[in-house]
Amino acid sequence: MRAFALNIFSYYYLKMDKEPNHKIIARAQTADEEFDYLARIFGRMGFYNEHGYKVAIPEHPFFVNISNNLDLLKSLDMGEAREIFKREVYNLNYFKNGLRAINENISLAKNALERTVGWADWGFRLFPDYKVRLTAYGPGGSYDYMNGNIIMKTTPGCKFKRAPLHTMVHEIIHIGIEESIIKKSKLTHTEKEGLVDAICVNCFGDILTDYQVQKRGDKNVFNLASQNNIMNLPRVIAEYKKQQV
């Protein structure tokens, strides 16, 4: 068991030719991280429902009951809920196959990251370490642009919302443009998803083969990003938003 645990939490490093300090570190979320993430998911259920996200939660009566009646969160004993989760729900074995799948995609993720290095000139944010943490819950993928964290949902059978490589690059792009474009130009949720999909398709099409574009993404913004204008993308998006006023 000890050898298996070490294997589950082993780090997979990605070194870049141009930026040798950049790495991708993949691991399963700990029990406490999973519970904290689940609590945030319950707190954002209104947002997920509004935008049509399908969200996975534990198939445990205690947590199903909360999902069906979110008002229970107001009086929930978080300490008790955490202990129930850690004792009766969390299972480290759940993530073994998902971690293996991510590791198999590291070399292609390297190629994608190398392509973004020059974008730092216009404000694309790069981190020394990208921490990919696997979860059993949530909508499929999410990101923390302040710390370079990427959370990806998987299953024991290694089923992801989209190909692991696609999600990793998708979320890395989210992180990269959050401050320089999304917040600066005040993009809506559908606009930012359309823009990230456009970058994935138009700038990484040779790496992200069969990439699936989200239906919820704004198609007008999707048409604004290309290999030809990627170095001027903040200006292109800013001008587009001015025209929408």
Foldseek 3Di string as FASTA:
>chain_A
DVVVVCVQQPFQFAAAPVHRLATEGEHADDLVRQLVVLVVCLVCVVVCVVLVFDKDDFPDVVVVVCSVPVVVVVVDPSVVVSVCCVVPPDDSLFCPVQVVQLSVCRVLLNVLVNLCPVLVVQQFDDDSYAYEYEYQITRAWDADLVHNYIYGHAGSVGDGPDRSSLRSSLRSRCSRCVPRACVVLVDDPQAVLLQSVLCCCAVVCVSPPPDDRDPSHDPVSSVQDHPVCSSVVNVSRNVVSVVVD
